[in-house]
Amino acid sequence: MFKDIFEGAVKSGKCIALNSIYTELYIIEGDCEEVNNEHEVWQIETASRKQRKQDTPIKCNNIFNPLPGQDITIRKVLTKGIAGIGKTISVQKFVLDWATGKANQDVDFMFVLPFRELNLINDEQYSLLGLLRVFHPQTRGIENLELDDYKLVFIFDGLDESRLPLNFQRNKILSDVKKMSSVDVLLTNLIKGNLLPRSPLGSPPDQQQPIRSPLSTCIG
């Protein structure tokens, strides 16, 4: 699915193997709002160099692993960074390495749900299983699987593009993966852990959610 990417438009652009061009992002834990407000690459790189002496870099494939000295189970991670720094490409590499057996082989399924496409169906009704079939047609027949028994990763790509209300306080509670609801209600309940609560990567509402920020690409 993510083996190749396109430069430019999909129809007319040049197809390139992701592994041939991917550069690991420099990711650290913490809210770096003062860096994310900058829009020049050299300013970001300068800021990241200052951070490196005190922060521990995190490889994308290890983004769910606690840092040295942390005694927590990480079930939800929010990544922040300026537009164009490579967050979506890192998501694609994360999934590709899992699919090709290079990393995170303890995970049974990974599901990517991009907000750009979710915006287009926000007024429609889906069950969680139905929504997965829309974005991952290969999951047809998944009704026979007990998803709670599997280790799952849900990746919501492009939060800054979301047009969904994502009202965690007011949305109704939903716990049945086969029950129809709006996309907004499905996502808030999935993120809060009301859906698939027994899945190893299902998150209870009070679970810690680290912010991990890609500050700059590391070359070399």
N, C-alpha and C. Protein backbone atom coordinates (compact mmCIF):
# COMPACT_ATOMS: atom_id res chain seq x y z
N MET A 1 0.82 -1.21 0.00
CA MET A 1 0.00 0.00 0.00
C MET A 1 0.86 1.26 0.00
N PHE A 2 1.92 1.28 0.82
CA PHE A 2 2.78 2.45 0.92
C PHE A 2 4.18 2.17 0.39
N LYS A 3 4.32 1.15 -0.44
CA LYS A 3 5.64 0.80 -0.96
C LYS A 3 6.20 1.90 -1.84
N ASP A 4 5.32 2.53 -2.63
CA ASP A 4 5.71 3.60 -3.54
C ASP A 4 4.95 4.87 -3.22
N ILE A 5 5.56 6.02 -3.48
CA ILE A 5 4.89 7.30 -3.33
C ILE A 5 5.08 8.08 -4.63
N PHE A 6 4.29 9.15 -4.79
CA PHE A 6 4.34 9.94 -6.01
C PHE A 6 4.89 11.33 -5.72
N GLU A 7 5.69 11.82 -6.63
CA GLU A 7 6.09 13.22 -6.62
C GLU A 7 5.15 13.96 -7.54
N GLY A 8 4.43 14.95 -7.01
CA GLY A 8 3.44 15.66 -7.81
C GLY A 8 2.11 14.93 -7.81
N ALA A 9 1.29 15.18 -8.83
CA ALA A 9 -0.03 14.55 -8.93
C ALA A 9 0.12 13.05 -9.14
N VAL A 10 -0.87 12.30 -8.62
CA VAL A 10 -0.78 10.84 -8.69
C VAL A 10 -0.75 10.36 -10.13
N LYS A 11 -1.56 10.96 -11.01
CA LYS A 11 -1.66 10.48 -12.39
C LYS A 11 -0.44 10.86 -13.22
N SER A 12 0.10 12.06 -12.99
CA SER A 12 1.20 12.52 -13.84
C SER A 12 2.54 12.56 -13.13
N GLY A 13 2.52 12.33 -11.81
CA GLY A 13 3.76 12.42 -11.05
C GLY A 13 4.65 11.21 -11.22
N LYS A 14 5.85 11.32 -10.69
CA LYS A 14 6.84 10.25 -10.79
C LYS A 14 6.72 9.34 -9.57
N CYS A 15 6.61 8.05 -9.81
CA CYS A 15 6.50 7.06 -8.73
C CYS A 15 7.89 6.69 -8.22
N ILE A 16 8.08 6.77 -6.90
CA ILE A 16 9.38 6.50 -6.29
C ILE A 16 9.19 5.53 -5.13
N ALA A 17 10.12 4.60 -4.99
CA ALA A 17 10.08 3.67 -3.85
C ALA A 17 10.34 4.44 -2.56
N LEU A 18 9.45 4.29 -1.60
CA LEU A 18 9.55 5.04 -0.35
C LEU A 18 10.87 4.76 0.35
N ASN A 19 11.29 3.51 0.39
CA ASN A 19 12.53 3.17 1.10
C ASN A 19 13.76 3.82 0.49
N SER A 20 13.68 4.21 -0.78
CA SER A 20 14.85 4.79 -1.43
C SER A 20 15.04 6.26 -1.10
N ILE A 21 13.99 6.92 -0.59
CA ILE A 21 14.11 8.36 -0.32
C ILE A 21 13.84 8.72 1.13
N TYR A 22 13.37 7.77 1.93
CA TYR A 22 12.95 8.12 3.29
C TYR A 22 14.13 8.54 4.16
N THR A 23 13.96 9.61 4.87
CA THR A 23 14.94 10.11 5.84
C THR A 23 14.27 10.15 7.21
N GLU A 24 14.90 9.55 8.19
CA GLU A 24 14.33 9.48 9.54
C GLU A 24 14.14 10.88 10.12
N LEU A 25 12.96 11.13 10.66
CA LEU A 25 12.69 12.41 11.32
C LEU A 25 13.35 12.43 12.70
N TYR A 26 13.71 13.61 13.13
CA TYR A 26 14.20 13.80 14.50
C TYR A 26 12.98 14.09 15.36
N ILE A 27 12.57 13.12 16.15
CA ILE A 27 11.35 13.20 16.96
C ILE A 27 11.72 13.23 18.43
N ILE A 28 11.12 14.15 19.17
CA ILE A 28 11.31 14.20 20.62
C ILE A 28 9.94 14.24 21.29
N GLU A 29 9.94 13.97 22.59
CA GLU A 29 8.70 14.04 23.36
C GLU A 29 8.57 15.40 23.99
N GLY A 30 7.37 15.97 23.89
CA GLY A 30 7.12 17.27 24.50
C GLY A 30 6.44 18.20 23.53
N ASP A 31 5.75 19.20 24.06
CA ASP A 31 5.04 20.18 23.25
C ASP A 31 6.01 21.28 22.85
N CYS A 32 6.30 21.39 21.57
CA CYS A 32 7.29 22.37 21.08
C CYS A 32 6.58 23.43 20.25
N GLU A 33 5.60 24.09 20.85
CA GLU A 33 4.79 25.07 20.13
C GLU A 33 5.64 26.20 19.57
N GLU A 34 6.68 26.60 20.33
CA GLU A 34 7.49 27.71 19.85
C GLU A 34 8.25 27.36 18.59
N VAL A 35 8.54 26.06 18.40
CA VAL A 35 9.21 25.64 17.18
C VAL A 35 8.20 25.48 16.05
N ASN A 36 7.04 24.91 16.35
CA ASN A 36 6.05 24.67 15.32
C ASN A 36 5.51 25.96 14.70
N ASN A 37 5.65 27.08 15.40
CA ASN A 37 5.20 28.34 14.85
C ASN A 37 6.18 28.92 13.84
N GLU A 38 7.38 28.36 13.76
CA GLU A 38 8.37 28.84 12.80
C GLU A 38 8.15 28.14 11.46
N HIS A 39 8.43 28.85 10.37
CA HIS A 39 8.14 28.29 9.05
C HIS A 39 9.35 28.24 8.14
N GLU A 40 10.54 28.52 8.65
CA GLU A 40 11.74 28.42 7.83
C GLU A 40 12.54 27.20 8.28
N VAL A 41 12.98 26.40 7.32
CA VAL A 41 13.68 25.15 7.63
C VAL A 41 14.91 25.41 8.48
N TRP A 42 15.67 26.46 8.17
CA TRP A 42 16.90 26.70 8.93
C TRP A 42 16.60 27.04 10.38
N GLN A 43 15.48 27.71 10.64
CA GLN A 43 15.11 28.02 12.02
C GLN A 43 14.75 26.75 12.78
N ILE A 44 14.09 25.82 12.09
CA ILE A 44 13.71 24.56 12.73
C ILE A 44 14.96 23.74 13.03
N GLU A 45 15.86 23.68 12.10
CA GLU A 45 17.08 22.92 12.31
C GLU A 45 17.92 23.51 13.44
N THR A 46 17.97 24.83 13.51
CA THR A 46 18.70 25.48 14.60
C THR A 46 18.08 25.13 15.94
N ALA A 47 16.75 25.19 16.00
CA ALA A 47 16.06 24.86 17.26
C ALA A 47 16.29 23.42 17.64
N SER A 48 16.26 22.50 16.64
CA SER A 48 16.43 21.08 16.94
C SER A 48 17.83 20.80 17.46
N ARG A 49 18.84 21.49 16.91
CA ARG A 49 20.21 21.27 17.38
C ARG A 49 20.35 21.67 18.85
N LYS A 50 19.66 22.72 19.24
CA LYS A 50 19.70 23.15 20.64
C LYS A 50 19.03 22.12 21.54
N GLN A 51 17.96 21.47 21.01
CA GLN A 51 17.22 20.51 21.81
C GLN A 51 17.99 19.21 22.01
N ARG A 52 18.86 18.85 21.07
CA ARG A 52 19.45 17.51 21.07
C ARG A 52 20.29 17.23 22.31
N LYS A 53 20.82 18.25 22.95
CA LYS A 53 21.65 18.03 24.11
C LYS A 53 20.84 17.58 25.32
N GLN A 54 19.55 17.90 25.35
CA GLN A 54 18.76 17.59 26.53
C GLN A 54 17.61 16.64 26.26
N ASP A 55 17.31 16.36 25.00
CA ASP A 55 16.19 15.49 24.66
C ASP A 55 16.68 14.19 24.04
N THR A 56 15.90 13.13 24.26
CA THR A 56 16.22 11.83 23.70
C THR A 56 15.45 11.64 22.40
N PRO A 57 16.14 11.46 21.27
CA PRO A 57 15.41 11.27 20.01
C PRO A 57 14.67 9.94 20.01
N ILE A 58 13.55 9.91 19.30
CA ILE A 58 12.70 8.72 19.22
C ILE A 58 12.57 8.31 17.76
N LYS A 59 12.92 7.09 17.45
CA LYS A 59 12.72 6.59 16.09
C LYS A 59 11.23 6.36 15.86
N CYS A 60 10.80 6.61 14.63
CA CYS A 60 9.38 6.50 14.32
C CYS A 60 8.82 5.13 14.67
N ASN A 61 9.58 4.07 14.39
CA ASN A 61 9.10 2.71 14.68
C ASN A 61 9.00 2.43 16.17
N ASN A 62 9.62 3.28 17.01
CA ASN A 62 9.59 3.09 18.47
C ASN A 62 8.67 4.09 19.15
N ILE A 63 7.76 4.68 18.41
CA ILE A 63 7.01 5.81 18.93
C ILE A 63 6.07 5.41 20.08
N PHE A 64 5.74 4.11 20.17
CA PHE A 64 4.89 3.65 21.27
C PHE A 64 5.71 3.11 22.44
N ASN A 65 7.02 3.15 22.34
CA ASN A 65 7.87 2.66 23.41
C ASN A 65 8.16 3.77 24.41
N PRO A 66 8.09 3.49 25.71
CA PRO A 66 8.45 4.52 26.70
C PRO A 66 9.92 4.86 26.63
N LEU A 67 10.25 6.08 26.99
CA LEU A 67 11.65 6.50 27.03
C LEU A 67 12.33 5.89 28.25
N PRO A 68 13.66 5.84 28.26
CA PRO A 68 14.37 5.34 29.44
C PRO A 68 13.94 6.07 30.70
N GLY A 69 13.60 5.30 31.72
CA GLY A 69 13.16 5.89 32.98
C GLY A 69 11.67 6.10 33.09
N GLN A 70 10.93 5.92 31.99
CA GLN A 70 9.48 6.05 32.02
C GLN A 70 8.84 4.72 32.35
N ASP A 71 7.96 4.69 33.34
CA ASP A 71 7.26 3.48 33.73
C ASP A 71 5.79 3.63 33.35
N ILE A 72 5.52 3.70 32.06
CA ILE A 72 4.16 3.88 31.58
C ILE A 72 3.93 2.97 30.38
N THR A 73 2.66 2.70 30.10
CA THR A 73 2.26 2.01 28.89
C THR A 73 1.67 3.05 27.95
N ILE A 74 2.28 3.25 26.80
CA ILE A 74 1.82 4.28 25.87
C ILE A 74 0.84 3.66 24.89
N ARG A 75 -0.38 4.16 24.92
CA ARG A 75 -1.43 3.65 24.04
C ARG A 75 -1.89 4.68 23.02
N LYS A 76 -1.63 5.95 23.29
CA LYS A 76 -2.01 7.01 22.35
C LYS A 76 -0.85 7.98 22.22
N VAL A 77 -0.55 8.37 21.00
CA VAL A 77 0.52 9.32 20.74
C VAL A 77 0.02 10.36 19.74
N LEU A 78 0.28 11.61 20.04
CA LEU A 78 -0.03 12.71 19.12
C LEU A 78 1.28 13.27 18.60
N THR A 79 1.46 13.29 17.28
CA THR A 79 2.67 13.88 16.72
C THR A 79 2.33 15.26 16.16
N LYS A 80 3.23 16.22 16.43
CA LYS A 80 3.04 17.59 15.98
C LYS A 80 4.26 18.04 15.19
N GLY A 81 4.04 18.90 14.23
CA GLY A 81 5.12 19.44 13.42
C GLY A 81 4.55 20.30 12.32
N ILE A 82 5.34 21.22 11.78
CA ILE A 82 4.83 22.10 10.75
C ILE A 82 4.47 21.32 9.50
N ALA A 83 3.58 21.89 8.70
CA ALA A 83 3.16 21.25 7.45
C ALA A 83 4.36 21.03 6.54
N GLY A 84 4.44 19.83 5.98
CA GLY A 84 5.48 19.51 5.02
C GLY A 84 6.75 18.94 5.62
N ILE A 85 6.80 18.79 6.95
CA ILE A 85 8.04 18.30 7.56
C ILE A 85 8.20 16.79 7.39
N GLY A 86 7.10 16.09 7.10
CA GLY A 86 7.21 14.66 6.82
C GLY A 86 6.43 13.75 7.73
N LYS A 87 5.40 14.26 8.41
CA LYS A 87 4.62 13.43 9.34
C LYS A 87 3.89 12.32 8.59
N THR A 88 3.24 12.64 7.47
CA THR A 88 2.49 11.64 6.73
C THR A 88 3.42 10.60 6.12
N ILE A 89 4.56 11.02 5.58
CA ILE A 89 5.52 10.08 5.03
C ILE A 89 6.02 9.13 6.13
N SER A 90 6.21 9.66 7.33
CA SER A 90 6.64 8.80 8.44
C SER A 90 5.57 7.77 8.78
N VAL A 91 4.30 8.17 8.70
CA VAL A 91 3.21 7.23 8.91
C VAL A 91 3.28 6.11 7.87
N GLN A 92 3.51 6.48 6.62
CA GLN A 92 3.59 5.48 5.56
C GLN A 92 4.76 4.53 5.79
N LYS A 93 5.90 5.07 6.23
CA LYS A 93 7.06 4.22 6.50
C LYS A 93 6.81 3.32 7.69
N PHE A 94 6.12 3.83 8.71
CA PHE A 94 5.77 3.06 9.89
C PHE A 94 4.94 1.83 9.49
N VAL A 95 3.95 2.04 8.62
CA VAL A 95 3.09 0.95 8.17
C VAL A 95 3.86 0.01 7.25
N LEU A 96 4.68 0.55 6.36
CA LEU A 96 5.44 -0.28 5.43
C LEU A 96 6.40 -1.20 6.17
N ASP A 97 7.10 -0.67 7.17
CA ASP A 97 8.04 -1.51 7.93
C ASP A 97 7.31 -2.62 8.66
N TRP A 98 6.12 -2.32 9.16
CA TRP A 98 5.32 -3.37 9.81
C TRP A 98 4.88 -4.41 8.79
N ALA A 99 4.38 -3.97 7.65
CA ALA A 99 3.84 -4.88 6.64
C ALA A 99 4.93 -5.78 6.05
N THR A 100 6.15 -5.28 6.00
CA THR A 100 7.25 -6.07 5.43
C THR A 100 8.04 -6.82 6.49
N GLY A 101 7.56 -6.82 7.72
CA GLY A 101 8.17 -7.62 8.77
C GLY A 101 9.42 -7.03 9.39
N LYS A 102 9.63 -5.72 9.25
CA LYS A 102 10.85 -5.11 9.76
C LYS A 102 10.69 -4.52 11.16
N ALA A 103 9.46 -4.28 11.60
CA ALA A 103 9.26 -3.63 12.91
C ALA A 103 7.85 -3.89 13.41
N ASN A 104 7.68 -3.80 14.74
CA ASN A 104 6.38 -3.87 15.41
C ASN A 104 5.59 -5.13 15.03
N GLN A 105 6.27 -6.26 15.00
CA GLN A 105 5.62 -7.50 14.62
C GLN A 105 4.71 -8.07 15.70
N ASP A 106 4.66 -7.42 16.86
CA ASP A 106 3.70 -7.81 17.88
C ASP A 106 2.30 -7.28 17.58
N VAL A 107 2.19 -6.40 16.59
CA VAL A 107 0.90 -5.82 16.19
C VAL A 107 0.25 -6.70 15.14
N ASP A 108 -1.04 -6.99 15.32
CA ASP A 108 -1.76 -7.85 14.38
C ASP A 108 -2.32 -7.09 13.18
N PHE A 109 -2.88 -5.90 13.44
CA PHE A 109 -3.49 -5.11 12.37
C PHE A 109 -3.13 -3.64 12.56
N MET A 110 -2.89 -2.93 11.44
CA MET A 110 -2.76 -1.48 11.44
C MET A 110 -3.80 -0.91 10.47
N PHE A 111 -4.53 0.09 10.94
CA PHE A 111 -5.55 0.73 10.12
C PHE A 111 -5.27 2.21 10.03
N VAL A 112 -5.10 2.71 8.81
CA VAL A 112 -4.87 4.14 8.58
C VAL A 112 -6.19 4.78 8.17
N LEU A 113 -6.57 5.84 8.88
CA LEU A 113 -7.80 6.57 8.60
C LEU A 113 -7.45 8.04 8.40
N PRO A 114 -7.31 8.51 7.16
CA PRO A 114 -6.92 9.90 6.91
C PRO A 114 -8.09 10.86 7.07
N PHE A 115 -7.86 11.95 7.80
CA PHE A 115 -8.93 12.91 8.04
C PHE A 115 -9.40 13.57 6.75
N ARG A 116 -8.54 13.72 5.77
CA ARG A 116 -8.95 14.34 4.51
C ARG A 116 -10.10 13.58 3.88
N GLU A 117 -10.05 12.24 3.94
CA GLU A 117 -11.13 11.42 3.40
C GLU A 117 -12.28 11.28 4.39
N LEU A 118 -11.98 11.25 5.67
CA LEU A 118 -13.04 11.16 6.68
C LEU A 118 -13.96 12.37 6.61
N ASN A 119 -13.42 13.54 6.30
CA ASN A 119 -14.24 14.74 6.17
C ASN A 119 -15.36 14.56 5.15
N LEU A 120 -15.09 13.80 4.09
CA LEU A 120 -16.04 13.66 2.99
C LEU A 120 -17.22 12.78 3.34
N ILE A 121 -17.10 11.97 4.37
CA ILE A 121 -18.19 11.04 4.72
C ILE A 121 -18.73 11.31 6.11
N ASN A 122 -18.45 12.49 6.65
CA ASN A 122 -18.83 12.78 8.02
C ASN A 122 -20.35 12.76 8.22
N ASP A 123 -21.12 13.06 7.17
CA ASP A 123 -22.58 13.08 7.30
C ASP A 123 -23.21 11.70 7.11
N GLU A 124 -22.41 10.70 6.85
CA GLU A 124 -22.94 9.36 6.64
C GLU A 124 -22.85 8.53 7.91
N GLN A 125 -23.59 7.42 7.94
CA GLN A 125 -23.64 6.54 9.10
C GLN A 125 -22.86 5.25 8.81
N TYR A 126 -22.02 4.87 9.76
CA TYR A 126 -21.23 3.65 9.62
C TYR A 126 -21.12 2.96 10.98
N SER A 127 -20.91 1.66 10.93
CA SER A 127 -20.39 0.97 12.10
C SER A 127 -18.87 1.02 12.00
N LEU A 128 -18.17 0.70 13.08
CA LEU A 128 -16.71 0.70 13.01
C LEU A 128 -16.23 -0.30 11.97
N LEU A 129 -16.84 -1.49 11.93
CA LEU A 129 -16.45 -2.48 10.94
C LEU A 129 -16.73 -1.98 9.53
N GLY A 130 -17.87 -1.30 9.35
CA GLY A 130 -18.20 -0.76 8.04
C GLY A 130 -17.22 0.33 7.61
N LEU A 131 -16.79 1.16 8.56
CA LEU A 131 -15.84 2.21 8.25
C LEU A 131 -14.49 1.63 7.83
N LEU A 132 -14.08 0.57 8.51
CA LEU A 132 -12.82 -0.07 8.14
C LEU A 132 -12.88 -0.66 6.74
N ARG A 133 -14.04 -1.19 6.36
CA ARG A 133 -14.18 -1.75 5.01
C ARG A 133 -14.08 -0.67 3.94
N VAL A 134 -14.51 0.55 4.26
CA VAL A 134 -14.42 1.64 3.30
C VAL A 134 -12.96 1.95 2.98
N PHE A 135 -12.12 2.02 4.02
CA PHE A 135 -10.73 2.41 3.84
C PHE A 135 -9.81 1.20 3.62
N HIS A 136 -10.25 0.04 4.07
CA HIS A 136 -9.44 -1.17 3.93
C HIS A 136 -10.34 -2.30 3.43
N PRO A 137 -10.62 -2.34 2.12
CA PRO A 137 -11.55 -3.34 1.58
C PRO A 137 -11.14 -4.77 1.87
N GLN A 138 -9.86 -4.99 2.13
CA GLN A 138 -9.40 -6.35 2.40
C GLN A 138 -9.93 -6.90 3.72
N THR A 139 -10.58 -6.03 4.53
CA THR A 139 -11.13 -6.48 5.81
C THR A 139 -12.54 -7.03 5.67
N ARG A 140 -13.04 -7.14 4.46
CA ARG A 140 -14.38 -7.73 4.29
C ARG A 140 -14.39 -9.14 4.86
N GLY A 141 -15.44 -9.45 5.63
CA GLY A 141 -15.50 -10.73 6.32
C GLY A 141 -14.90 -10.68 7.71
N ILE A 142 -14.47 -9.50 8.13
CA ILE A 142 -13.84 -9.36 9.44
C ILE A 142 -14.83 -9.54 10.58
N GLU A 143 -16.14 -9.59 10.23
CA GLU A 143 -17.16 -9.80 11.27
C GLU A 143 -16.90 -11.06 12.06
N ASN A 144 -16.21 -12.02 11.45
CA ASN A 144 -15.96 -13.29 12.12
C ASN A 144 -14.78 -13.22 13.09
N LEU A 145 -14.10 -12.07 13.14
CA LEU A 145 -12.96 -11.89 14.04
C LEU A 145 -13.38 -11.16 15.30
N GLU A 146 -12.84 -11.58 16.41
CA GLU A 146 -13.04 -10.86 17.66
C GLU A 146 -11.91 -9.84 17.79
N LEU A 147 -12.15 -8.60 17.37
CA LEU A 147 -11.08 -7.61 17.31
C LEU A 147 -10.47 -7.34 18.68
N ASP A 148 -11.25 -7.51 19.73
CA ASP A 148 -10.73 -7.28 21.07
C ASP A 148 -9.58 -8.23 21.41
N ASP A 149 -9.49 -9.34 20.70
CA ASP A 149 -8.45 -10.32 21.00
C ASP A 149 -7.15 -10.04 20.25
N TYR A 150 -7.14 -9.00 19.44
CA TYR A 150 -5.97 -8.69 18.63
C TYR A 150 -5.34 -7.37 19.06
N LYS A 151 -4.06 -7.25 18.76
CA LYS A 151 -3.34 -6.01 19.04
C LYS A 151 -3.47 -5.12 17.81
N LEU A 152 -4.11 -3.96 17.98
CA LEU A 152 -4.46 -3.10 16.87
C LEU A 152 -3.78 -1.75 17.00
N VAL A 153 -3.47 -1.15 15.86
CA VAL A 153 -3.02 0.24 15.82
C VAL A 153 -3.90 0.99 14.84
N PHE A 154 -4.52 2.06 15.32
CA PHE A 154 -5.30 2.95 14.47
C PHE A 154 -4.51 4.24 14.28
N ILE A 155 -4.31 4.63 13.04
CA ILE A 155 -3.54 5.84 12.74
C ILE A 155 -4.47 6.84 12.07
N PHE A 156 -4.66 7.97 12.74
CA PHE A 156 -5.49 9.05 12.20
C PHE A 156 -4.55 10.10 11.62
N ASP A 157 -4.47 10.13 10.32
CA ASP A 157 -3.49 10.99 9.64
C ASP A 157 -4.12 12.32 9.25
N GLY A 158 -3.42 13.42 9.56
CA GLY A 158 -3.87 14.75 9.13
C GLY A 158 -4.86 15.40 10.05
N LEU A 159 -4.62 15.38 11.36
CA LEU A 159 -5.54 15.99 12.32
C LEU A 159 -5.77 17.47 12.00
N ASP A 160 -4.75 18.15 11.49
CA ASP A 160 -4.90 19.58 11.18
C ASP A 160 -5.86 19.81 10.02
N GLU A 161 -6.20 18.75 9.27
CA GLU A 161 -7.15 18.87 8.17
C GLU A 161 -8.56 18.46 8.57
N SER A 162 -8.75 18.06 9.82
CA SER A 162 -10.04 17.55 10.26
C SER A 162 -11.11 18.64 10.26
N ARG A 163 -12.29 18.29 9.74
CA ARG A 163 -13.47 19.16 9.80
C ARG A 163 -14.55 18.53 10.69
N LEU A 164 -14.15 17.51 11.44
CA LEU A 164 -15.08 16.84 12.34
C LEU A 164 -15.09 17.57 13.69
N PRO A 165 -16.23 17.64 14.36
CA PRO A 165 -16.28 18.33 15.66
C PRO A 165 -15.43 17.65 16.73
N LEU A 166 -15.36 16.31 16.71
CA LEU A 166 -14.61 15.53 17.70
C LEU A 166 -14.93 16.01 19.12
N ASN A 167 -16.23 16.03 19.42
CA ASN A 167 -16.68 16.51 20.72
C ASN A 167 -16.66 15.34 21.72
N PHE A 168 -15.56 15.22 22.45
CA PHE A 168 -15.39 14.10 23.37
C PHE A 168 -16.33 14.18 24.57
N GLN A 169 -16.75 15.37 24.95
CA GLN A 169 -17.59 15.53 26.12
C GLN A 169 -19.06 15.24 25.82
N ARG A 170 -19.54 15.64 24.64
CA ARG A 170 -20.97 15.56 24.36
C ARG A 170 -21.37 14.37 23.50
N ASN A 171 -20.46 13.79 22.77
CA ASN A 171 -20.82 12.66 21.92
C ASN A 171 -21.28 11.48 22.77
N LYS A 172 -22.28 10.74 22.25
CA LYS A 172 -22.81 9.60 22.97
C LYS A 172 -21.76 8.50 23.08
N ILE A 173 -21.90 7.69 24.11
CA ILE A 173 -20.98 6.56 24.31
C ILE A 173 -21.39 5.41 23.39
N LEU A 174 -20.39 4.84 22.72
CA LEU A 174 -20.63 3.75 21.79
C LEU A 174 -19.61 2.65 22.06
N SER A 175 -20.10 1.41 22.21
CA SER A 175 -19.18 0.32 22.53
C SER A 175 -19.34 -0.88 21.60
N ASP A 176 -20.32 -0.85 20.70
CA ASP A 176 -20.59 -1.96 19.79
C ASP A 176 -19.99 -1.67 18.43
N VAL A 177 -19.03 -2.49 17.97
CA VAL A 177 -18.34 -2.24 16.70
C VAL A 177 -19.26 -2.44 15.49
N LYS A 178 -20.45 -3.03 15.72
CA LYS A 178 -21.38 -3.25 14.62
C LYS A 178 -22.53 -2.25 14.60
N LYS A 179 -22.57 -1.35 15.58
CA LYS A 179 -23.66 -0.37 15.66
C LYS A 179 -23.36 0.84 14.79
N MET A 180 -24.38 1.30 14.05
CA MET A 180 -24.22 2.42 13.14
C MET A 180 -24.20 3.74 13.92
N SER A 181 -23.35 4.64 13.48
CA SER A 181 -23.28 5.97 14.08
C SER A 181 -22.57 6.90 13.11
N SER A 182 -22.46 8.17 13.50
CA SER A 182 -21.73 9.11 12.66
C SER A 182 -20.23 8.84 12.76
N VAL A 183 -19.47 9.30 11.78
CA VAL A 183 -18.03 9.12 11.79
C VAL A 183 -17.43 9.82 13.01
N ASP A 184 -17.95 11.00 13.34
CA ASP A 184 -17.43 11.75 14.48
C ASP A 184 -17.59 10.96 15.78
N VAL A 185 -18.76 10.36 15.97
CA VAL A 185 -19.01 9.58 17.18
C VAL A 185 -18.11 8.34 17.20
N LEU A 186 -17.94 7.70 16.06
CA LEU A 186 -17.07 6.52 15.99
C LEU A 186 -15.65 6.86 16.42
N LEU A 187 -15.12 7.97 15.89
CA LEU A 187 -13.73 8.31 16.18
C LEU A 187 -13.52 8.69 17.63
N THR A 188 -14.44 9.48 18.19
CA THR A 188 -14.26 9.89 19.59
C THR A 188 -14.32 8.69 20.52
N ASN A 189 -15.21 7.74 20.23
CA ASN A 189 -15.30 6.56 21.08
C ASN A 189 -14.12 5.61 20.88
N LEU A 190 -13.58 5.57 19.68
CA LEU A 190 -12.40 4.74 19.43
C LEU A 190 -11.19 5.32 20.14
N ILE A 191 -11.02 6.64 20.07
CA ILE A 191 -9.88 7.28 20.71
C ILE A 191 -9.99 7.20 22.23
N LYS A 192 -11.20 7.36 22.77
CA LYS A 192 -11.38 7.30 24.22
C LYS A 192 -11.27 5.88 24.76
N GLY A 193 -11.44 4.88 23.90
CA GLY A 193 -11.32 3.51 24.35
C GLY A 193 -12.65 2.85 24.68
N ASN A 194 -13.78 3.50 24.34
CA ASN A 194 -15.08 2.87 24.55
C ASN A 194 -15.29 1.74 23.55
N LEU A 195 -14.79 1.93 22.34
CA LEU A 195 -14.78 0.85 21.35
C LEU A 195 -13.50 0.05 21.51
N LEU A 196 -13.62 -1.27 21.44
CA LEU A 196 -12.47 -2.18 21.59
C LEU A 196 -11.70 -1.93 22.88
N PRO A 197 -12.37 -1.87 24.02
CA PRO A 197 -11.66 -1.57 25.27
C PRO A 197 -10.71 -2.65 25.72
N ARG A 198 -10.90 -3.90 25.26
CA ARG A 198 -10.03 -4.99 25.71
C ARG A 198 -8.84 -5.21 24.80
N SER A 199 -8.86 -4.53 23.64
CA SER A 199 -7.72 -4.68 22.74
C SER A 199 -6.47 -4.13 23.42
N PRO A 200 -5.32 -4.83 23.28
CA PRO A 200 -4.10 -4.38 23.95
C PRO A 200 -3.73 -2.94 23.68
N LEU A 201 -4.09 -2.41 22.51
CA LEU A 201 -3.80 -1.01 22.24
C LEU A 201 -5.04 -0.13 22.34
N GLY A 202 -6.15 -0.68 22.85
CA GLY A 202 -7.31 0.16 23.13
C GLY A 202 -7.00 1.04 24.33
N SER A 203 -7.46 2.29 24.32
CA SER A 203 -7.03 3.24 25.34
C SER A 203 -8.16 3.64 26.26
N PRO A 204 -8.00 3.48 27.58
CA PRO A 204 -8.98 4.01 28.50
C PRO A 204 -8.94 5.54 28.47
N PRO A 205 -10.04 6.22 28.78
CA PRO A 205 -10.09 7.67 28.66
C PRO A 205 -9.03 8.41 29.46
N ASP A 206 -8.57 7.84 30.58
CA ASP A 206 -7.62 8.56 31.42
C ASP A 206 -6.17 8.20 31.10
N GLN A 207 -5.95 7.46 30.00
CA GLN A 207 -4.59 7.06 29.67
C GLN A 207 -3.76 8.25 29.21
N GLN A 208 -2.49 8.27 29.61
CA GLN A 208 -1.61 9.34 29.19
C GLN A 208 -1.45 9.37 27.68
N GLN A 209 -1.34 10.59 27.14
CA GLN A 209 -1.17 10.75 25.70
C GLN A 209 0.04 11.64 25.45
N PRO A 210 1.22 11.07 25.28
CA PRO A 210 2.40 11.88 25.03
C PRO A 210 2.30 12.64 23.72
N ILE A 211 2.88 13.84 23.70
CA ILE A 211 3.02 14.59 22.46
C ILE A 211 4.43 14.40 21.96
N ARG A 212 4.58 13.91 20.75
CA ARG A 212 5.90 13.68 20.20
C ARG A 212 6.03 14.47 18.91
N SER A 213 7.02 15.31 18.87
CA SER A 213 7.13 16.32 17.82
C SER A 213 8.33 16.07 16.91
N PRO A 214 8.09 15.95 15.59
CA PRO A 214 9.22 15.90 14.67
C PRO A 214 9.75 17.31 14.42
N LEU A 215 10.95 17.58 14.86
CA LEU A 215 11.50 18.92 14.73
C LEU A 215 12.27 19.11 13.44
N SER A 216 12.96 18.08 12.99
CA SER A 216 13.79 18.24 11.81
C SER A 216 14.17 16.87 11.29
N THR A 217 14.52 16.80 10.03
CA THR A 217 15.02 15.56 9.48
C THR A 217 16.48 15.39 9.87
N CYS A 218 16.84 14.16 10.16
CA CYS A 218 18.25 13.85 10.50
C CYS A 218 18.88 13.21 9.27
N ILE A 219 19.94 13.78 8.79
CA ILE A 219 20.61 13.28 7.59
C ILE A 219 21.87 12.57 8.00
N GLY A 220 22.05 11.32 7.50
CA GLY A 220 23.26 10.60 7.83
C GLY A 220 22.98 9.39 8.67
